[in-house]
Amino acid sequence: MMTTTLRPFRPLFLIAAVTLGGVLLPAQGSAKTTFDGMWAVQIVASNGNCPARTIPIAVEDGRISYSIFGATAEGAISSDGALKVSFAHRDDVVNASGALAGGGGAGSWRSSACDGSWTARRG
């Protein structure tokens, strides 16, 4: 059996890439799903040494995706607001899940070095 060891998560690089990715995404047209548009997502670690941050995330057609500086994000939001998304940079991966409703949402996230919660608000 082959075992893979993940390198420690580099939260500052990934958070910077996600932040820049949200800023560099094109402006949204008319929303095609209830949750399309820009969201401000506050990330807080409950375990590990990952800094708290608020990052902009764009949703289009219920999909969360982009690629910038080698970091990528892929995920989806269902029509009832349930979401799953993965952020990755090389071997470092952050998995998040939760739900959106109306103009807000909340959930949890986990990486190889940290885990915590997130809250979101539209805008």
PDB file of N, CA and C in Angstrom:
ATOM      1  N   MET A   1       0.845  -1.175   0.000  1.00  0.00           N
ATOM      2  CA  MET A   1       0.000   0.000   0.000  1.00  0.00           C
ATOM      3  C   MET A   1       0.893   1.242   0.000  1.00  0.00           C
ATOM      4  N   MET A   2       0.572   2.202  -0.843  1.00  0.00           N
ATOM      5  CA  MET A   2       1.345   3.432  -0.953  1.00  0.00           C
ATOM      6  C   MET A   2       0.753   4.485  -0.014  1.00  0.00           C
ATOM      7  N   THR A   3       1.587   5.170   0.737  1.00  0.00           N
ATOM      8  CA  THR A   3       1.138   6.199   1.652  1.00  0.00           C
ATOM      9  C   THR A   3       1.634   7.547   1.163  1.00  0.00           C
ATOM     10  N   THR A   4       0.752   8.530   1.144  1.00  0.00           N
ATOM     11  CA  THR A   4       1.117   9.874   0.737  1.00  0.00           C
ATOM     12  C   THR A   4       1.113  10.764   1.966  1.00  0.00           C
ATOM     13  N   THR A   5       2.164  11.529   2.149  1.00  0.00           N
ATOM     14  CA  THR A   5       2.247  12.465   3.251  1.00  0.00           C
ATOM     15  C   THR A   5       2.048  13.867   2.706  1.00  0.00           C
ATOM     16  N   LEU A   6       1.047  14.571   3.219  1.00  0.00           N
ATOM     17  CA  LEU A   6       0.816  15.939   2.789  1.00  0.00           C
ATOM     18  C   LEU A   6       1.771  16.875   3.509  1.00  0.00           C
ATOM     19  N   ARG A   7       2.274  17.843   2.767  1.00  0.00           N
ATOM     20  CA  ARG A   7       3.100  18.866   3.397  1.00  0.00           C
ATOM     21  C   ARG A   7       2.197  19.762   4.225  1.00  0.00           C
ATOM     22  N   PRO A   8       2.729  20.433   5.230  1.00  0.00           N
ATOM     23  CA  PRO A   8       1.899  21.321   6.036  1.00  0.00           C
ATOM     24  C   PRO A   8       1.228  22.381   5.162  1.00  0.00           C
ATOM     25  N   PHE A   9      -0.007  22.692   5.466  1.00  0.00           N
ATOM     26  CA  PHE A   9      -0.797  23.677   4.740  1.00  0.00           C
ATOM     27  C   PHE A   9      -0.158  25.058   4.873  1.00  0.00           C
ATOM     28  N   ARG A  10      -0.092  25.782   3.784  1.00  0.00           N
ATOM     29  CA  ARG A  10       0.434  27.136   3.781  1.00  0.00           C
ATOM     30  C   ARG A  10      -0.740  28.109   3.700  1.00  0.00           C
ATOM     31  N   PRO A  11      -1.367  28.417   4.834  1.00  0.00           N
ATOM     32  CA  PRO A  11      -2.603  29.191   4.820  1.00  0.00           C
ATOM     33  C   PRO A  11      -2.451  30.591   4.261  1.00  0.00           C
ATOM     34  N   LEU A  12      -1.356  31.262   4.521  1.00  0.00           N
ATOM     35  CA  LEU A  12      -1.216  32.632   4.042  1.00  0.00           C
ATOM     36  C   LEU A  12      -1.193  32.699   2.531  1.00  0.00           C
ATOM     37  N   PHE A  13      -0.466  31.776   1.861  1.00  0.00           N
ATOM     38  CA  PHE A  13      -0.430  31.786   0.406  1.00  0.00           C
ATOM     39  C   PHE A  13      -1.809  31.504  -0.159  1.00  0.00           C
ATOM     40  N   LEU A  14      -2.465  30.470   0.343  1.00  0.00           N
ATOM     41  CA  LEU A  14      -3.763  30.089  -0.197  1.00  0.00           C
ATOM     42  C   LEU A  14      -4.785  31.184   0.059  1.00  0.00           C
ATOM     43  N   ILE A  15      -4.788  31.779   1.237  1.00  0.00           N
ATOM     44  CA  ILE A  15      -5.730  32.857   1.533  1.00  0.00           C
ATOM     45  C   ILE A  15      -5.460  34.054   0.630  1.00  0.00           C
ATOM     46  N   ALA A  16      -4.185  34.384   0.399  1.00  0.00           N
ATOM     47  CA  ALA A  16      -3.858  35.486  -0.514  1.00  0.00           C
ATOM     48  C   ALA A  16      -4.331  35.178  -1.922  1.00  0.00           C
ATOM     49  N   ALA A  17      -4.113  33.969  -2.382  1.00  0.00           N
ATOM     50  CA  ALA A  17      -4.544  33.593  -3.730  1.00  0.00           C
ATOM     51  C   ALA A  17      -6.059  33.643  -3.847  1.00  0.00           C
ATOM     52  N   VAL A  18      -6.766  33.164  -2.830  1.00  0.00           N
ATOM     53  CA  VAL A  18      -8.228  33.200  -2.854  1.00  0.00           C
ATOM     54  C   VAL A  18      -8.704  34.644  -2.856  1.00  0.00           C
ATOM     55  N   THR A  19      -8.091  35.486  -2.035  1.00  0.00           N
ATOM     56  CA  THR A  19      -8.477  36.890  -1.977  1.00  0.00           C
ATOM     57  C   THR A  19      -8.270  37.554  -3.324  1.00  0.00           C
ATOM     58  N   LEU A  20      -7.093  37.377  -3.918  1.00  0.00           N
ATOM     59  CA  LEU A  20      -6.828  37.964  -5.221  1.00  0.00           C
ATOM     60  C   LEU A  20      -7.730  37.374  -6.285  1.00  0.00           C
ATOM     61  N   GLY A  21      -8.013  36.098  -6.186  1.00  0.00           N
ATOM     62  CA  GLY A  21      -8.906  35.461  -7.152  1.00  0.00           C
ATOM     63  C   GLY A  21     -10.284  36.083  -7.114  1.00  0.00           C
ATOM     64  N   GLY A  22     -10.793  36.344  -5.939  1.00  0.00           N
ATOM     65  CA  GLY A  22     -12.099  36.971  -5.833  1.00  0.00           C
ATOM     66  C   GLY A  22     -12.104  38.375  -6.387  1.00  0.00           C
ATOM     67  N   VAL A  23     -11.020  39.110  -6.200  1.00  0.00           N
ATOM     68  CA  VAL A  23     -10.921  40.468  -6.707  1.00  0.00           C
ATOM     69  C   VAL A  23     -10.794  40.471  -8.228  1.00  0.00           C
ATOM     70  N   LEU A  24     -10.107  39.494  -8.804  1.00  0.00           N
ATOM     71  CA  LEU A  24      -9.842  39.476 -10.231  1.00  0.00           C
ATOM     72  C   LEU A  24     -10.926  38.801 -11.065  1.00  0.00           C
ATOM     73  N   LEU A  25     -11.932  38.209 -10.424  1.00  0.00           N
ATOM     74  CA  LEU A  25     -13.002  37.571 -11.180  1.00  0.00           C
ATOM     75  C   LEU A  25     -13.825  38.619 -11.909  1.00  0.00           C
ATOM     76  N   PRO A  26     -14.363  38.284 -13.093  1.00  0.00           N
ATOM     77  CA  PRO A  26     -15.167  39.257 -13.824  1.00  0.00           C
ATOM     78  C   PRO A  26     -16.450  39.595 -13.073  1.00  0.00           C
ATOM     79  N   ALA A  27     -16.977  40.772 -13.362  1.00  0.00           N
ATOM     80  CA  ALA A  27     -18.228  41.198 -12.735  1.00  0.00           C
ATOM     81  C   ALA A  27     -19.346  40.260 -13.156  1.00  0.00           C
ATOM     82  N   GLN A  28     -20.269  40.033 -12.246  1.00  0.00           N
ATOM     83  CA  GLN A  28     -21.374  39.128 -12.505  1.00  0.00           C
ATOM     84  C   GLN A  28     -22.476  39.837 -13.284  1.00  0.00           C
ATOM     85  N   GLY A  29     -23.089  39.131 -14.215  1.00  0.00           N
ATOM     86  CA  GLY A  29     -24.266  39.620 -14.930  1.00  0.00           C
ATOM     87  C   GLY A  29     -25.485  39.318 -14.091  1.00  0.00           C
ATOM     88  N   SER A  30     -26.611  39.140 -14.736  1.00  0.00           N
ATOM     89  CA  SER A  30     -27.814  38.813 -13.981  1.00  0.00           C
ATOM     90  C   SER A  30     -27.694  37.403 -13.400  1.00  0.00           C
ATOM     91  N   ALA A  31     -28.152  37.238 -12.187  1.00  0.00           N
ATOM     92  CA  ALA A  31     -28.030  35.958 -11.491  1.00  0.00           C
ATOM     93  C   ALA A  31     -28.876  34.896 -12.175  1.00  0.00           C
ATOM     94  N   LYS A  32     -28.286  33.697 -12.376  1.00  0.00           N
ATOM     95  CA  LYS A  32     -28.997  32.576 -12.978  1.00  0.00           C
ATOM     96  C   LYS A  32     -29.503  31.619 -11.905  1.00  0.00           C
ATOM     97  N   THR A  33     -28.876  31.631 -10.714  1.00  0.00           N
ATOM     98  CA  THR A  33     -29.367  30.845  -9.586  1.00  0.00           C
ATOM     99  C   THR A  33     -29.509  31.782  -8.392  1.00  0.00           C
ATOM    100  N   THR A  34     -30.226  31.338  -7.397  1.00  0.00           N
ATOM    101  CA  THR A  34     -30.496  32.150  -6.212  1.00  0.00           C
ATOM    102  C   THR A  34     -29.232  32.659  -5.541  1.00  0.00           C
ATOM    103  N   PHE A  35     -28.151  31.881  -5.584  1.00  0.00           N
ATOM    104  CA  PHE A  35     -26.947  32.226  -4.825  1.00  0.00           C
ATOM    105  C   PHE A  35     -25.843  32.838  -5.678  1.00  0.00           C
ATOM    106  N   ASP A  36     -26.089  33.092  -6.951  1.00  0.00           N
ATOM    107  CA  ASP A  36     -25.085  33.711  -7.815  1.00  0.00           C
ATOM    108  C   ASP A  36     -24.753  35.116  -7.330  1.00  0.00           C
ATOM    109  N   GLY A  37     -23.508  35.513  -7.527  1.00  0.00           N
ATOM    110  CA  GLY A  37     -23.051  36.847  -7.156  1.00  0.00           C
ATOM    111  C   GLY A  37     -21.843  36.777  -6.238  1.00  0.00           C
ATOM    112  N   MET A  38     -21.510  37.913  -5.649  1.00  0.00           N
ATOM    113  CA  MET A  38     -20.354  38.005  -4.762  1.00  0.00           C
ATOM    114  C   MET A  38     -20.781  37.768  -3.315  1.00  0.00           C
ATOM    115  N   TRP A  39     -19.903  37.063  -2.575  1.00  0.00           N
ATOM    116  CA  TRP A  39     -20.109  36.765  -1.165  1.00  0.00           C
ATOM    117  C   TRP A  39     -18.836  37.115  -0.404  1.00  0.00           C
ATOM    118  N   ALA A  40     -18.976  37.705   0.775  1.00  0.00           N
ATOM    119  CA  ALA A  40     -17.853  37.937   1.679  1.00  0.00           C
ATOM    120  C   ALA A  40     -17.856  36.789   2.683  1.00  0.00           C
ATOM    121  N   VAL A  41     -16.772  36.021   2.712  1.00  0.00           N
ATOM    122  CA  VAL A  41     -16.698  34.831   3.556  1.00  0.00           C
ATOM    123  C   VAL A  41     -15.644  35.040   4.638  1.00  0.00           C
ATOM    124  N   GLN A  42     -16.062  34.970   5.891  1.00  0.00           N
ATOM    125  CA  GLN A  42     -15.149  35.101   7.028  1.00  0.00           C
ATOM    126  C   GLN A  42     -14.734  33.710   7.469  1.00  0.00           C
ATOM    127  N   ILE A  43     -13.424  33.485   7.517  1.00  0.00           N
ATOM    128  CA  ILE A  43     -12.858  32.183   7.872  1.00  0.00           C
ATOM    129  C   ILE A  43     -12.153  32.305   9.218  1.00  0.00           C
ATOM    130  N   VAL A  44     -12.490  31.418  10.151  1.00  0.00           N
ATOM    131  CA  VAL A  44     -11.889  31.432  11.491  1.00  0.00           C
ATOM    132  C   VAL A  44     -11.435  30.021  11.830  1.00  0.00           C
ATOM    133  N   ALA A  45     -10.186  29.897  12.295  1.00  0.00           N
ATOM    134  CA  ALA A  45      -9.653  28.588  12.698  1.00  0.00           C
ATOM    135  C   ALA A  45     -10.001  28.322  14.159  1.00  0.00           C
ATOM    136  N   SER A  46     -10.407  27.087  14.450  1.00  0.00           N
ATOM    137  CA  SER A  46     -10.618  26.695  15.837  1.00  0.00           C
ATOM    138  C   SER A  46      -9.483  25.802  16.321  1.00  0.00           C
ATOM    139  N   ASN A  47      -8.770  25.170  15.393  1.00  0.00           N
ATOM    140  CA  ASN A  47      -7.601  24.349  15.702  1.00  0.00           C
ATOM    141  C   ASN A  47      -6.521  24.641  14.678  1.00  0.00           C
ATOM    142  N   GLY A  48      -5.278  24.776  15.129  1.00  0.00           N
ATOM    143  CA  GLY A  48      -4.168  25.052  14.222  1.00  0.00           C
ATOM    144  C   GLY A  48      -3.802  26.519  14.225  1.00  0.00           C
ATOM    145  N   ASN A  49      -2.791  26.844  13.427  1.00  0.00           N
ATOM    146  CA  ASN A  49      -2.258  28.196  13.396  1.00  0.00           C
ATOM    147  C   ASN A  49      -2.576  28.874  12.067  1.00  0.00           C
ATOM    148  N   CYS A  50      -3.839  28.948  11.693  1.00  0.00           N
ATOM    149  CA  CYS A  50      -4.267  29.606  10.466  1.00  0.00           C
ATOM    150  C   CYS A  50      -4.967  30.907  10.836  1.00  0.00           C
ATOM    151  N   PRO A  51      -4.573  32.019  10.203  1.00  0.00           N
ATOM    152  CA  PRO A  51      -5.147  33.313  10.565  1.00  0.00           C
ATOM    153  C   PRO A  51      -6.594  33.463  10.100  1.00  0.00           C
ATOM    154  N   ALA A  52      -7.375  34.237  10.838  1.00  0.00           N
ATOM    155  CA  ALA A  52      -8.741  34.573  10.437  1.00  0.00           C
ATOM    156  C   ALA A  52      -8.668  35.561   9.280  1.00  0.00           C
ATOM    157  N   ARG A  53      -9.562  35.410   8.330  1.00  0.00           N
ATOM    158  CA  ARG A  53      -9.586  36.279   7.161  1.00  0.00           C
ATOM    159  C   ARG A  53     -11.018  36.403   6.656  1.00  0.00           C
ATOM    160  N   THR A  54     -11.290  37.492   5.947  1.00  0.00           N
ATOM    161  CA  THR A  54     -12.511  37.623   5.169  1.00  0.00           C
ATOM    162  C   THR A  54     -12.099  37.703   3.714  1.00  0.00           C
ATOM    163  N   ILE A  55     -12.673  36.838   2.895  1.00  0.00           N
ATOM    164  CA  ILE A  55     -12.291  36.771   1.488  1.00  0.00           C
ATOM    165  C   ILE A  55     -13.530  36.884   0.602  1.00  0.00           C
ATOM    166  N   PRO A  56     -13.377  37.489  -0.588  1.00  0.00           N
ATOM    167  CA  PRO A  56     -14.492  37.559  -1.527  1.00  0.00           C
ATOM    168  C   PRO A  56     -14.561  36.283  -2.364  1.00  0.00           C
ATOM    169  N   ILE A  57     -15.746  35.749  -2.516  1.00  0.00           N
ATOM    170  CA  ILE A  57     -15.965  34.551  -3.329  1.00  0.00           C
ATOM    171  C   ILE A  57     -17.067  34.875  -4.336  1.00  0.00           C
ATOM    172  N   ALA A  58     -16.865  34.469  -5.589  1.00  0.00           N
ATOM    173  CA  ALA A  58     -17.878  34.667  -6.627  1.00  0.00           C
ATOM    174  C   ALA A  58     -18.555  33.346  -6.945  1.00  0.00           C
ATOM    175  N   VAL A  59     -19.864  33.406  -7.165  1.00  0.00           N
ATOM    176  CA  VAL A  59     -20.651  32.237  -7.551  1.00  0.00           C
ATOM    177  C   VAL A  59     -21.334  32.565  -8.876  1.00  0.00           C
ATOM    178  N   GLU A  60     -21.233  31.663  -9.835  1.00  0.00           N
ATOM    179  CA  GLU A  60     -21.888  31.842 -11.127  1.00  0.00           C
ATOM    180  C   GLU A  60     -22.516  30.515 -11.542  1.00  0.00           C
ATOM    181  N   ASP A  61     -23.797  30.556 -11.859  1.00  0.00           N
ATOM    182  CA  ASP A  61     -24.555  29.343 -12.193  1.00  0.00           C
ATOM    183  C   ASP A  61     -24.453  28.293 -11.088  1.00  0.00           C
ATOM    184  N   GLY A  62     -24.374  28.729  -9.836  1.00  0.00           N
ATOM    185  CA  GLY A  62     -24.292  27.799  -8.714  1.00  0.00           C
ATOM    186  C   GLY A  62     -22.932  27.147  -8.547  1.00  0.00           C
ATOM    187  N   ARG A  63     -21.933  27.575  -9.322  1.00  0.00           N
ATOM    188  CA  ARG A  63     -20.591  26.988  -9.275  1.00  0.00           C
ATOM    189  C   ARG A  63     -19.584  27.975  -8.695  1.00  0.00           C
ATOM    190  N   ILE A  64     -18.683  27.443  -7.894  1.00  0.00           N
ATOM    191  CA  ILE A  64     -17.560  28.207  -7.353  1.00  0.00           C
ATOM    192  C   ILE A  64     -16.320  27.657  -8.048  1.00  0.00           C
ATOM    193  N   SER A  65     -15.645  28.493  -8.832  1.00  0.00           N
ATOM    194  CA  SER A  65     -14.429  27.993  -9.476  1.00  0.00           C
ATOM    195  C   SER A  65     -13.556  29.149  -9.926  1.00  0.00           C
ATOM    196  N   TYR A  66     -12.243  28.944  -9.874  1.00  0.00           N
ATOM    197  CA  TYR A  66     -11.259  29.856 -10.439  1.00  0.00           C
ATOM    198  C   TYR A  66      -9.897  29.207 -10.323  1.00  0.00           C
ATOM    199  N   SER A  67      -8.940  29.816 -10.981  1.00  0.00           N
ATOM    200  CA  SER A  67      -7.556  29.368 -10.890  1.00  0.00           C
ATOM    201  C   SER A  67      -6.667  30.590 -10.983  1.00  0.00           C
ATOM    202  N   ILE A  68      -5.802  30.779  -9.972  1.00  0.00           N
ATOM    203  CA  ILE A  68      -4.897  31.923  -9.960  1.00  0.00           C
ATOM    204  C   ILE A  68      -3.667  31.592  -9.124  1.00  0.00           C
ATOM    205  N   PHE A  69      -2.509  31.977  -9.612  1.00  0.00           N
ATOM    206  CA  PHE A  69      -1.234  31.750  -8.914  1.00  0.00           C
ATOM    207  C   PHE A  69      -1.055  30.298  -8.483  1.00  0.00           C
ATOM    208  N   GLY A  70      -1.574  29.363  -9.271  1.00  0.00           N
ATOM    209  CA  GLY A  70      -1.432  27.954  -8.956  1.00  0.00           C
ATOM    210  C   GLY A  70      -2.445  27.420  -7.965  1.00  0.00           C
ATOM    211  N   ALA A  71      -3.252  28.289  -7.383  1.00  0.00           N
ATOM    212  CA  ALA A  71      -4.306  27.853  -6.466  1.00  0.00           C
ATOM    213  C   ALA A  71      -5.604  27.738  -7.252  1.00  0.00           C
ATOM    214  N   THR A  72      -6.401  26.731  -6.936  1.00  0.00           N
ATOM    215  CA  THR A  72      -7.677  26.537  -7.609  1.00  0.00           C
ATOM    216  C   THR A  72      -8.778  26.322  -6.580  1.00  0.00           C
ATOM    217  N   ALA A  73      -9.987  26.603  -6.996  1.00  0.00           N
ATOM    218  CA  ALA A  73     -11.154  26.323  -6.171  1.00  0.00           C
ATOM    219  C   ALA A  73     -12.218  25.732  -7.072  1.00  0.00           C
ATOM    220  N   GLU A  74     -12.847  24.686  -6.588  1.00  0.00           N
ATOM    221  CA  GLU A  74     -13.950  24.064  -7.314  1.00  0.00           C
ATOM    222  C   GLU A  74     -15.018  23.674  -6.316  1.00  0.00           C
ATOM    223  N   GLY A  75     -16.250  23.964  -6.667  1.00  0.00           N
ATOM    224  CA  GLY A  75     -17.331  23.580  -5.791  1.00  0.00           C
ATOM    225  C   GLY A  75     -18.666  23.949  -6.383  1.00  0.00           C
ATOM    226  N   ALA A  76     -19.719  23.596  -5.671  1.00  0.00           N
ATOM    227  CA  ALA A  76     -21.065  23.873  -6.147  1.00  0.00           C
ATOM    228  C   ALA A  76     -21.993  24.151  -4.975  1.00  0.00           C
ATOM    229  N   ILE A  77     -23.048  24.915  -5.283  1.00  0.00           N
ATOM    230  CA  ILE A  77     -24.095  25.217  -4.320  1.00  0.00           C
ATOM    231  C   ILE A  77     -25.390  24.673  -4.911  1.00  0.00           C
ATOM    232  N   SER A  78     -26.066  23.815  -4.181  1.00  0.00           N
ATOM    233  CA  SER A  78     -27.317  23.234  -4.672  1.00  0.00           C
ATOM    234  C   SER A  78     -28.444  24.261  -4.571  1.00  0.00           C
ATOM    235  N   SER A  79     -29.568  23.967  -5.174  1.00  0.00           N
ATOM    236  CA  SER A  79     -30.695  24.899  -5.182  1.00  0.00           C
ATOM    237  C   SER A  79     -31.227  25.172  -3.775  1.00  0.00           C
ATOM    238  N   ASP A  80     -30.995  24.251  -2.825  1.00  0.00           N
ATOM    239  CA  ASP A  80     -31.434  24.485  -1.441  1.00  0.00           C
ATOM    240  C   ASP A  80     -30.360  25.168  -0.593  1.00  0.00           C
ATOM    241  N   GLY A  81     -29.204  25.508  -1.197  1.00  0.00           N
ATOM    242  CA  GLY A  81     -28.154  26.246  -0.509  1.00  0.00           C
ATOM    243  C   GLY A  81     -27.020  25.421   0.054  1.00  0.00           C
ATOM    244  N   ALA A  82     -27.122  24.092   0.031  1.00  0.00           N
ATOM    245  CA  ALA A  82     -26.027  23.239   0.527  1.00  0.00           C
ATOM    246  C   ALA A  82     -24.824  23.403  -0.395  1.00  0.00           C
ATOM    247  N   LEU A  83     -23.639  23.493   0.200  1.00  0.00           N
ATOM    248  CA  LEU A  83     -22.448  23.678  -0.629  1.00  0.00           C
ATOM    249  C   LEU A  83     -21.290  22.821  -0.178  1.00  0.00           C
ATOM    250  N   LYS A  84     -20.438  22.508  -1.145  1.00  0.00           N
ATOM    251  CA  LYS A  84     -19.156  21.845  -0.909  1.00  0.00           C
ATOM    252  C   LYS A  84     -18.165  22.491  -1.861  1.00  0.00           C
ATOM    253  N   VAL A  85     -16.982  22.810  -1.337  1.00  0.00           N
ATOM    254  CA  VAL A  85     -15.945  23.429  -2.158  1.00  0.00           C
ATOM    255  C   VAL A  85     -14.582  22.957  -1.673  1.00  0.00           C
ATOM    256  N   SER A  86     -13.637  22.834  -2.597  1.00  0.00           N
ATOM    257  CA  SER A  86     -12.249  22.487  -2.268  1.00  0.00           C
ATOM    258  C   SER A  86     -11.331  23.539  -2.850  1.00  0.00           C
ATOM    259  N   PHE A  87     -10.430  24.043  -2.027  1.00  0.00           N
ATOM    260  CA  PHE A  87      -9.368  24.941  -2.456  1.00  0.00           C
ATOM    261  C   PHE A  87      -8.078  24.138  -2.437  1.00  0.00           C
ATOM    262  N   ALA A  88      -7.255  24.274  -3.475  1.00  0.00           N
ATOM    263  CA  ALA A  88      -6.015  23.498  -3.525  1.00  0.00           C
ATOM    264  C   ALA A  88      -4.869  24.335  -4.073  1.00  0.00           C
ATOM    265  N   HIS A  89      -3.691  24.080  -3.536  1.00  0.00           N
ATOM    266  CA  HIS A  89      -2.438  24.630  -4.056  1.00  0.00           C
ATOM    267  C   HIS A  89      -1.392  23.538  -3.878  1.00  0.00           C
ATOM    268  N   ARG A  90      -0.915  23.015  -4.984  1.00  0.00           N
ATOM    269  CA  ARG A  90      -0.013  21.858  -4.978  1.00  0.00           C
ATOM    270  C   ARG A  90      -0.660  20.722  -4.183  1.00  0.00           C
ATOM    271  N   ASP A  91      -0.016  20.256  -3.122  1.00  0.00           N
ATOM    272  CA  ASP A  91      -0.559  19.150  -2.322  1.00  0.00           C
ATOM    273  C   ASP A  91      -1.433  19.621  -1.162  1.00  0.00           C
ATOM    274  N   ASP A  92      -1.549  20.925  -0.983  1.00  0.00           N
ATOM    275  CA  ASP A  92      -2.326  21.479   0.125  1.00  0.00           C
ATOM    276  C   ASP A  92      -3.783  21.635  -0.301  1.00  0.00           C
ATOM    277  N   VAL A  93      -4.690  21.112   0.510  1.00  0.00           N
ATOM    278  CA  VAL A  93      -6.114  21.144   0.175  1.00  0.00           C
ATOM    279  C   VAL A  93      -6.922  21.600   1.382  1.00  0.00           C
ATOM    280  N   VAL A  94      -7.891  22.460   1.135  1.00  0.00           N
ATOM    281  CA  VAL A  94      -8.856  22.877   2.139  1.00  0.00           C
ATOM    282  C   VAL A  94     -10.226  22.453   1.628  1.00  0.00           C
ATOM    283  N   ASN A  95     -10.952  21.670   2.408  1.00  0.00           N
ATOM    284  CA  ASN A  95     -12.313  21.255   2.057  1.00  0.00           C
ATOM    285  C   ASN A  95     -13.283  21.980   2.964  1.00  0.00           C
ATOM    286  N   ALA A  96     -14.335  22.523   2.369  1.00  0.00           N
ATOM    287  CA  ALA A  96     -15.339  23.251   3.138  1.00  0.00           C
ATOM    288  C   ALA A  96     -16.733  22.782   2.742  1.00  0.00           C
ATOM    289  N   SER A  97     -17.643  22.849   3.703  1.00  0.00           N
ATOM    290  CA  SER A  97     -19.045  22.516   3.440  1.00  0.00           C
ATOM    291  C   SER A  97     -19.905  23.391   4.334  1.00  0.00           C
ATOM    292  N   GLY A  98     -21.178  23.471   3.993  1.00  0.00           N
ATOM    293  CA  GLY A  98     -22.097  24.273   4.772  1.00  0.00           C
ATOM    294  C   GLY A  98     -23.323  24.588   3.966  1.00  0.00           C
ATOM    295  N   ALA A  99     -23.946  25.725   4.273  1.00  0.00           N
ATOM    296  CA  ALA A  99     -25.171  26.091   3.571  1.00  0.00           C
ATOM    297  C   ALA A  99     -25.341  27.603   3.535  1.00  0.00           C
ATOM    298  N   LEU A 100     -25.970  28.062   2.460  1.00  0.00           N
ATOM    299  CA  LEU A 100     -26.366  29.457   2.310  1.00  0.00           C
ATOM    300  C   LEU A 100     -27.885  29.521   2.355  1.00  0.00           C
ATOM    301  N   ALA A 101     -28.406  30.628   2.866  1.00  0.00           N
ATOM    302  CA  ALA A 101     -29.850  30.868   2.882  1.00  0.00           C
ATOM    303  C   ALA A 101     -30.054  32.376   2.866  1.00  0.00           C
ATOM    304  N   GLY A 102     -30.842  32.863   1.933  1.00  0.00           N
ATOM    305  CA  GLY A 102     -31.075  34.300   1.850  1.00  0.00           C
ATOM    306  C   GLY A 102     -29.769  35.030   1.601  1.00  0.00           C
ATOM    307  N   GLY A 103     -29.403  35.928   2.491  1.00  0.00           N
ATOM    308  CA  GLY A 103     -28.193  36.716   2.325  1.00  0.00           C
ATOM    309  C   GLY A 103     -27.033  36.281   3.189  1.00  0.00           C
ATOM    310  N   GLY A 104     -27.075  35.065   3.758  1.00  0.00           N
ATOM    311  CA  GLY A 104     -25.996  34.622   4.628  1.00  0.00           C
ATOM    312  C   GLY A 104     -25.806  33.128   4.592  1.00  0.00           C
ATOM    313  N   GLY A 105     -24.823  32.664   5.353  1.00  0.00           N
ATOM    314  CA  GLY A 105     -24.577  31.232   5.419  1.00  0.00           C
ATOM    315  C   GLY A 105     -23.487  30.921   6.427  1.00  0.00           C
ATOM    316  N   ALA A 106     -23.270  29.622   6.650  1.00  0.00           N
ATOM    317  CA  ALA A 106     -22.257  29.185   7.608  1.00  0.00           C
ATOM    318  C   ALA A 106     -21.885  27.739   7.325  1.00  0.00           C
ATOM    319  N   GLY A 107     -20.721  27.353   7.832  1.00  0.00           N
ATOM    320  CA  GLY A 107     -20.287  25.979   7.671  1.00  0.00           C
ATOM    321  C   GLY A 107     -18.945  25.746   8.329  1.00  0.00           C
ATOM    322  N   SER A 108     -18.287  24.678   7.910  1.00  0.00           N
ATOM    323  CA  SER A 108     -16.996  24.305   8.487  1.00  0.00           C
ATOM    324  C   SER A 108     -15.992  24.039   7.374  1.00  0.00           C
ATOM    325  N   TRP A 109     -14.712  24.054   7.732  1.00  0.00           N
ATOM    326  CA  TRP A 109     -13.638  23.765   6.786  1.00  0.00           C
ATOM    327  C   TRP A 109     -12.540  22.989   7.487  1.00  0.00           C
ATOM    328  N   ARG A 110     -11.716  22.304   6.684  1.00  0.00           N
ATOM    329  CA  ARG A 110     -10.635  21.488   7.242  1.00  0.00           C
ATOM    330  C   ARG A 110      -9.486  21.434   6.244  1.00  0.00           C
ATOM    331  N   SER A 111      -8.267  21.552   6.759  1.00  0.00           N
ATOM    332  CA  SER A 111      -7.044  21.335   5.977  1.00  0.00           C
ATOM    333  C   SER A 111      -6.185  20.343   6.753  1.00  0.00           C
ATOM    334  N   SER A 112      -5.001  20.046   6.228  1.00  0.00           N
ATOM    335  CA  SER A 112      -4.117  19.119   6.936  1.00  0.00           C
ATOM    336  C   SER A 112      -3.533  19.742   8.198  1.00  0.00           C
ATOM    337  N   ALA A 113      -3.561  21.092   8.309  1.00  0.00           N
ATOM    338  CA  ALA A 113      -2.953  21.762   9.459  1.00  0.00           C
ATOM    339  C   ALA A 113      -3.950  22.469  10.365  1.00  0.00           C
ATOM    340  N   CYS A 114      -5.130  22.789   9.853  1.00  0.00           N
ATOM    341  CA  CYS A 114      -6.102  23.580  10.613  1.00  0.00           C
ATOM    342  C   CYS A 114      -7.512  23.126  10.291  1.00  0.00           C
ATOM    343  N   ASP A 115      -8.436  23.529  11.141  1.00  0.00           N
ATOM    344  CA  ASP A 115      -9.855  23.404  10.822  1.00  0.00           C
ATOM    345  C   ASP A 115     -10.588  24.508  11.547  1.00  0.00           C
ATOM    346  N   GLY A 116     -11.794  24.765  11.106  1.00  0.00           N
ATOM    347  CA  GLY A 116     -12.553  25.827  11.728  1.00  0.00           C
ATOM    348  C   GLY A 116     -13.904  26.017  11.101  1.00  0.00           C
ATOM    349  N   SER A 117     -14.412  27.242  11.198  1.00  0.00           N
ATOM    350  CA  SER A 117     -15.740  27.549  10.689  1.00  0.00           C
ATOM    351  C   SER A 117     -15.665  28.739   9.751  1.00  0.00           C
ATOM    352  N   TRP A 118     -16.726  28.916   8.987  1.00  0.00           N
ATOM    353  CA  TRP A 118     -16.845  30.075   8.124  1.00  0.00           C
ATOM    354  C   TRP A 118     -18.275  30.607   8.193  1.00  0.00           C
ATOM    355  N   THR A 119     -18.404  31.898   7.979  1.00  0.00           N
ATOM    356  CA  THR A 119     -19.714  32.540   7.826  1.00  0.00           C
ATOM    357  C   THR A 119     -19.642  33.373   6.563  1.00  0.00           C
ATOM    358  N   ALA A 120     -20.776  33.556   5.912  1.00  0.00           N
ATOM    359  CA  ALA A 120     -20.811  34.313   4.666  1.00  0.00           C
ATOM    360  C   ALA A 120     -21.968  35.294   4.667  1.00  0.00           C
ATOM    361  N   ARG A 121     -21.771  36.384   3.946  1.00  0.00           N
ATOM    362  CA  ARG A 121     -22.860  37.336   3.709  1.00  0.00           C
ATOM    363  C   ARG A 121     -22.771  37.790   2.268  1.00  0.00           C
ATOM    364  N   ARG A 122     -23.917  38.018   1.675  1.00  0.00           N
ATOM    365  CA  ARG A 122     -23.957  38.459   0.283  1.00  0.00           C
ATOM    366  C   ARG A 122     -23.346  39.856   0.186  1.00  0.00           C
ATOM    367  N   GLY A 123     -22.613  40.063  -0.895  1.00  0.00           N
ATOM    368  CA  GLY A 123     -22.054  41.404  -1.114  1.00  0.00           C
ATOM    369  C   GLY A 123     -20.600  41.331  -1.124  1.00  0.00           C
TER     370      GLY A 123
END
